[in-house]
N, C-alpha and C. Protein backbone atom coordinates (compact mmCIF):
# COMPACT_ATOMS: atom_id res chain seq x y z
N MET A 1 69.89 -52.26 -105.41
CA MET A 1 70.39 -52.67 -104.10
C MET A 1 69.85 -51.72 -103.04
N GLY A 2 69.22 -52.25 -102.00
CA GLY A 2 68.61 -51.43 -100.96
C GLY A 2 69.55 -51.14 -99.80
N TYR A 3 69.14 -50.19 -99.01
CA TYR A 3 69.85 -49.83 -97.79
C TYR A 3 69.42 -50.76 -96.66
N GLN A 4 70.29 -50.95 -95.70
CA GLN A 4 69.95 -51.68 -94.48
C GLN A 4 69.32 -50.67 -93.52
N VAL A 5 68.23 -51.04 -92.88
CA VAL A 5 67.58 -50.17 -91.91
C VAL A 5 67.69 -50.81 -90.53
N GLY A 6 68.12 -50.01 -89.57
CA GLY A 6 68.22 -50.47 -88.18
C GLY A 6 67.62 -49.44 -87.24
N LEU A 7 67.20 -49.89 -86.07
CA LEU A 7 66.66 -49.00 -85.05
C LEU A 7 67.61 -48.96 -83.87
N THR A 8 67.90 -47.76 -83.38
CA THR A 8 68.70 -47.65 -82.18
C THR A 8 67.90 -48.19 -80.99
N GLU A 9 68.57 -48.40 -79.88
CA GLU A 9 67.87 -48.86 -78.67
C GLU A 9 66.82 -47.83 -78.26
N GLU A 10 67.14 -46.56 -78.42
CA GLU A 10 66.19 -45.51 -78.05
C GLU A 10 64.95 -45.55 -78.94
N ALA A 11 65.13 -45.76 -80.24
CA ALA A 11 64.00 -45.87 -81.16
C ALA A 11 63.15 -47.10 -80.83
N GLN A 12 63.79 -48.20 -80.48
CA GLN A 12 63.04 -49.40 -80.10
C GLN A 12 62.24 -49.13 -78.83
N ALA A 13 62.84 -48.42 -77.88
CA ALA A 13 62.14 -48.07 -76.64
C ALA A 13 60.96 -47.15 -76.94
N ASP A 14 61.17 -46.18 -77.85
CA ASP A 14 60.08 -45.28 -78.26
C ASP A 14 58.90 -46.08 -78.82
N LEU A 15 59.21 -47.02 -79.71
CA LEU A 15 58.16 -47.84 -80.31
C LEU A 15 57.42 -48.62 -79.23
N GLY A 16 58.13 -49.15 -78.27
CA GLY A 16 57.50 -49.87 -77.16
C GLY A 16 56.57 -48.98 -76.36
N VAL A 17 56.96 -47.75 -76.13
CA VAL A 17 56.12 -46.80 -75.40
C VAL A 17 54.82 -46.53 -76.18
N VAL A 18 54.95 -46.31 -77.48
CA VAL A 18 53.78 -46.06 -78.32
C VAL A 18 52.82 -47.25 -78.26
N VAL A 19 53.35 -48.44 -78.46
CA VAL A 19 52.51 -49.64 -78.50
C VAL A 19 51.85 -49.90 -77.14
N ARG A 20 52.60 -49.76 -76.05
CA ARG A 20 52.02 -49.99 -74.72
C ARG A 20 50.91 -48.98 -74.42
N PHE A 21 51.14 -47.72 -74.80
CA PHE A 21 50.13 -46.69 -74.57
C PHE A 21 48.85 -47.01 -75.34
N LEU A 22 48.99 -47.34 -76.62
CA LEU A 22 47.81 -47.66 -77.44
C LEU A 22 47.11 -48.92 -76.96
N ALA A 23 47.87 -49.88 -76.45
CA ALA A 23 47.30 -51.15 -76.00
C ALA A 23 46.35 -50.97 -74.82
N GLN A 24 46.52 -49.88 -74.08
CA GLN A 24 45.61 -49.61 -72.96
C GLN A 24 44.18 -49.39 -73.46
N GLN A 25 44.05 -48.84 -74.65
CA GLN A 25 42.74 -48.58 -75.24
C GLN A 25 42.30 -49.70 -76.18
N SER A 26 43.25 -50.17 -77.00
CA SER A 26 42.91 -51.18 -78.00
C SER A 26 44.15 -51.98 -78.39
N PRO A 27 44.24 -53.21 -77.93
CA PRO A 27 45.38 -54.04 -78.31
C PRO A 27 45.51 -54.22 -79.83
N GLU A 28 44.38 -54.28 -80.51
CA GLU A 28 44.40 -54.44 -81.96
C GLU A 28 45.01 -53.20 -82.64
N ALA A 29 44.61 -52.02 -82.18
CA ALA A 29 45.15 -50.78 -82.74
C ALA A 29 46.64 -50.67 -82.43
N ALA A 30 47.02 -51.07 -81.24
CA ALA A 30 48.44 -51.02 -80.86
C ALA A 30 49.27 -51.89 -81.79
N GLU A 31 48.80 -53.08 -82.05
CA GLU A 31 49.53 -53.98 -82.95
C GLU A 31 49.58 -53.41 -84.37
N ARG A 32 48.46 -52.91 -84.83
CA ARG A 32 48.39 -52.36 -86.19
C ARG A 32 49.33 -51.17 -86.36
N ILE A 33 49.27 -50.22 -85.43
CA ILE A 33 50.11 -49.02 -85.52
C ILE A 33 51.58 -49.39 -85.36
N GLY A 34 51.87 -50.31 -84.48
CA GLY A 34 53.26 -50.76 -84.32
C GLY A 34 53.82 -51.31 -85.62
N HIS A 35 53.03 -52.14 -86.29
CA HIS A 35 53.47 -52.70 -87.58
C HIS A 35 53.56 -51.61 -88.65
N GLU A 36 52.61 -50.69 -88.64
CA GLU A 36 52.65 -49.60 -89.63
C GLU A 36 53.92 -48.76 -89.46
N LEU A 37 54.30 -48.48 -88.23
CA LEU A 37 55.50 -47.68 -87.99
C LEU A 37 56.76 -48.42 -88.46
N LEU A 38 56.82 -49.71 -88.17
CA LEU A 38 57.96 -50.50 -88.65
C LEU A 38 57.98 -50.58 -90.17
N ASP A 39 56.83 -50.78 -90.76
CA ASP A 39 56.75 -50.83 -92.23
C ASP A 39 57.18 -49.51 -92.85
N ALA A 40 56.75 -48.39 -92.24
CA ALA A 40 57.15 -47.08 -92.75
C ALA A 40 58.66 -46.92 -92.69
N ALA A 41 59.26 -47.35 -91.58
CA ALA A 41 60.72 -47.27 -91.45
C ALA A 41 61.40 -48.15 -92.50
N LEU A 42 60.84 -49.32 -92.76
CA LEU A 42 61.46 -50.24 -93.73
C LEU A 42 61.34 -49.75 -95.17
N THR A 43 60.43 -48.82 -95.45
CA THR A 43 60.38 -48.25 -96.80
C THR A 43 61.66 -47.48 -97.11
N LEU A 44 62.40 -47.14 -96.08
CA LEU A 44 63.64 -46.40 -96.27
C LEU A 44 64.74 -47.26 -96.91
N THR A 45 64.52 -48.57 -96.98
CA THR A 45 65.49 -49.43 -97.65
C THR A 45 65.60 -49.04 -99.12
N LEU A 46 64.50 -48.67 -99.73
CA LEU A 46 64.51 -48.30 -101.16
C LEU A 46 64.56 -46.79 -101.38
N PHE A 47 64.01 -46.02 -100.44
CA PHE A 47 63.94 -44.57 -100.60
C PHE A 47 64.47 -43.88 -99.35
N PRO A 48 65.77 -43.98 -99.10
CA PRO A 48 66.32 -43.45 -97.84
C PRO A 48 66.22 -41.94 -97.68
N ARG A 49 66.07 -41.22 -98.74
CA ARG A 49 66.00 -39.75 -98.65
C ARG A 49 64.58 -39.22 -98.81
N ARG A 50 63.59 -40.09 -98.67
CA ARG A 50 62.21 -39.63 -98.90
C ARG A 50 61.69 -38.72 -97.81
N GLY A 51 62.23 -38.82 -96.62
CA GLY A 51 61.81 -37.94 -95.53
C GLY A 51 62.42 -36.55 -95.65
N ALA A 52 61.82 -35.61 -94.97
CA ALA A 52 62.29 -34.22 -95.00
C ALA A 52 63.51 -34.04 -94.11
N SER A 53 64.36 -33.12 -94.49
CA SER A 53 65.49 -32.75 -93.63
C SER A 53 64.96 -32.05 -92.39
N VAL A 54 65.64 -32.26 -91.27
CA VAL A 54 65.25 -31.61 -90.02
C VAL A 54 66.06 -30.32 -89.89
N ARG A 55 65.35 -29.23 -89.78
CA ARG A 55 65.99 -27.92 -89.68
C ARG A 55 66.93 -27.86 -88.47
N ARG A 56 68.07 -27.31 -88.69
CA ARG A 56 69.11 -27.13 -87.65
C ARG A 56 69.67 -28.43 -87.11
N ARG A 57 69.48 -29.53 -87.83
CA ARG A 57 70.04 -30.83 -87.46
C ARG A 57 70.65 -31.46 -88.70
N PRO A 58 71.84 -31.05 -89.08
CA PRO A 58 72.46 -31.59 -90.30
C PRO A 58 72.54 -33.11 -90.28
N GLY A 59 72.14 -33.71 -91.39
CA GLY A 59 72.20 -35.16 -91.51
C GLY A 59 71.01 -35.90 -90.95
N LEU A 60 70.11 -35.20 -90.28
CA LEU A 60 68.94 -35.85 -89.68
C LEU A 60 67.73 -35.59 -90.58
N ARG A 61 66.93 -36.64 -90.77
CA ARG A 61 65.73 -36.56 -91.59
C ARG A 61 64.55 -37.08 -90.78
N LYS A 62 63.32 -36.76 -91.25
CA LYS A 62 62.14 -37.28 -90.56
C LYS A 62 61.11 -37.73 -91.57
N LEU A 63 60.46 -38.79 -91.21
CA LEU A 63 59.39 -39.37 -92.00
C LEU A 63 58.14 -39.30 -91.12
N THR A 64 57.03 -38.89 -91.69
CA THR A 64 55.79 -38.75 -90.93
C THR A 64 54.85 -39.89 -91.27
N HIS A 65 54.25 -40.47 -90.23
CA HIS A 65 53.22 -41.49 -90.41
C HIS A 65 52.14 -41.24 -89.35
N ARG A 66 50.96 -40.89 -89.83
CA ARG A 66 49.85 -40.51 -88.94
C ARG A 66 50.33 -39.35 -88.06
N HIS A 67 50.29 -39.54 -86.72
CA HIS A 67 50.74 -38.50 -85.80
C HIS A 67 52.19 -38.72 -85.37
N TYR A 68 52.85 -39.68 -85.97
CA TYR A 68 54.17 -40.09 -85.51
C TYR A 68 55.27 -39.59 -86.43
N LEU A 69 56.41 -39.29 -85.83
CA LEU A 69 57.58 -38.84 -86.57
C LEU A 69 58.68 -39.88 -86.39
N ILE A 70 59.25 -40.31 -87.49
CA ILE A 70 60.35 -41.27 -87.47
C ILE A 70 61.60 -40.50 -87.87
N PHE A 71 62.49 -40.29 -86.92
CA PHE A 71 63.72 -39.54 -87.16
C PHE A 71 64.83 -40.54 -87.49
N TYR A 72 65.61 -40.20 -88.52
CA TYR A 72 66.65 -41.13 -88.95
C TYR A 72 67.83 -40.43 -89.60
N GLN A 73 68.93 -41.17 -89.74
CA GLN A 73 70.14 -40.71 -90.39
C GLN A 73 70.50 -41.69 -91.49
N VAL A 74 71.03 -41.16 -92.58
CA VAL A 74 71.44 -41.99 -93.71
C VAL A 74 72.95 -41.99 -93.80
N ASN A 75 73.54 -43.18 -93.89
CA ASN A 75 74.97 -43.33 -94.13
C ASN A 75 75.11 -43.85 -95.56
N GLU A 76 75.41 -42.93 -96.48
CA GLU A 76 75.51 -43.29 -97.90
C GLU A 76 76.63 -44.29 -98.16
N THR A 77 77.76 -44.10 -97.51
CA THR A 77 78.93 -44.95 -97.74
C THR A 77 78.63 -46.40 -97.39
N ALA A 78 77.97 -46.61 -96.26
CA ALA A 78 77.66 -47.96 -95.80
C ALA A 78 76.31 -48.45 -96.29
N ALA A 79 75.55 -47.60 -97.00
CA ALA A 79 74.20 -47.93 -97.46
C ALA A 79 73.33 -48.39 -96.28
N GLN A 80 73.34 -47.54 -95.22
CA GLN A 80 72.59 -47.86 -94.01
C GLN A 80 71.72 -46.68 -93.60
N VAL A 81 70.58 -47.00 -93.02
CA VAL A 81 69.68 -46.02 -92.43
C VAL A 81 69.54 -46.40 -90.96
N GLU A 82 69.74 -45.42 -90.09
CA GLU A 82 69.60 -45.66 -88.66
C GLU A 82 68.44 -44.82 -88.13
N VAL A 83 67.39 -45.49 -87.68
CA VAL A 83 66.25 -44.81 -87.07
C VAL A 83 66.66 -44.50 -85.63
N VAL A 84 66.64 -43.20 -85.29
CA VAL A 84 67.13 -42.79 -83.97
C VAL A 84 66.02 -42.50 -82.97
N ARG A 85 64.83 -42.10 -83.46
CA ARG A 85 63.69 -41.85 -82.57
C ARG A 85 62.39 -42.12 -83.31
N ILE A 86 61.38 -42.53 -82.58
CA ILE A 86 60.00 -42.62 -83.08
C ILE A 86 59.17 -41.84 -82.07
N TRP A 87 58.59 -40.74 -82.53
CA TRP A 87 57.98 -39.78 -81.61
C TRP A 87 56.53 -39.51 -81.97
N ASP A 88 55.68 -39.50 -80.97
CA ASP A 88 54.28 -39.11 -81.17
C ASP A 88 54.26 -37.59 -81.26
N GLY A 89 53.91 -37.06 -82.41
CA GLY A 89 53.93 -35.63 -82.65
C GLY A 89 52.95 -34.84 -81.79
N ARG A 90 52.06 -35.51 -81.10
CA ARG A 90 51.11 -34.82 -80.22
C ARG A 90 51.71 -34.55 -78.85
N GLN A 91 52.90 -35.11 -78.59
CA GLN A 91 53.56 -34.88 -77.31
C GLN A 91 54.25 -33.53 -77.32
N ASN A 92 54.63 -33.07 -76.15
CA ASN A 92 55.33 -31.81 -75.99
C ASN A 92 56.68 -31.89 -76.71
N PRO A 93 56.90 -31.09 -77.75
CA PRO A 93 58.15 -31.17 -78.51
C PRO A 93 59.38 -30.80 -77.68
N ALA A 94 59.19 -30.06 -76.59
CA ALA A 94 60.32 -29.69 -75.73
C ALA A 94 60.95 -30.92 -75.07
N LYS A 95 60.20 -32.00 -74.96
CA LYS A 95 60.71 -33.22 -74.34
C LYS A 95 61.51 -34.11 -75.30
N LEU A 96 61.43 -33.82 -76.59
CA LEU A 96 62.11 -34.63 -77.60
C LEU A 96 63.60 -34.30 -77.61
N ARG A 97 64.43 -35.30 -77.45
CA ARG A 97 65.89 -35.15 -77.50
C ARG A 97 66.39 -35.87 -78.75
N LEU A 98 67.00 -35.11 -79.63
CA LEU A 98 67.53 -35.67 -80.89
C LEU A 98 69.05 -35.63 -80.86
N PRO A 99 69.67 -36.55 -81.61
CA PRO A 99 71.15 -36.53 -81.66
C PRO A 99 71.65 -35.30 -82.40
């Protein structure tokens, strides 16, 4: 039995920012990377703890895909994974706000 994976509004907005930025250079790459990021998040249905723990953020984990970081929380009781941010790791980390 797999976990349910959902994206917060902020994570959905992050994904939109990534795709719009990439689309300025290559619409095909934007579509491909957008799908890859969603697919990476959906792998958490079977392996919710595969990402690394985030230091000094209890309960928060991160999954890396290319230059992107997918931050998420696992609710074992409800068998749910909530993706809270999708961040381009090349951006200034001081601007990243995590729960």
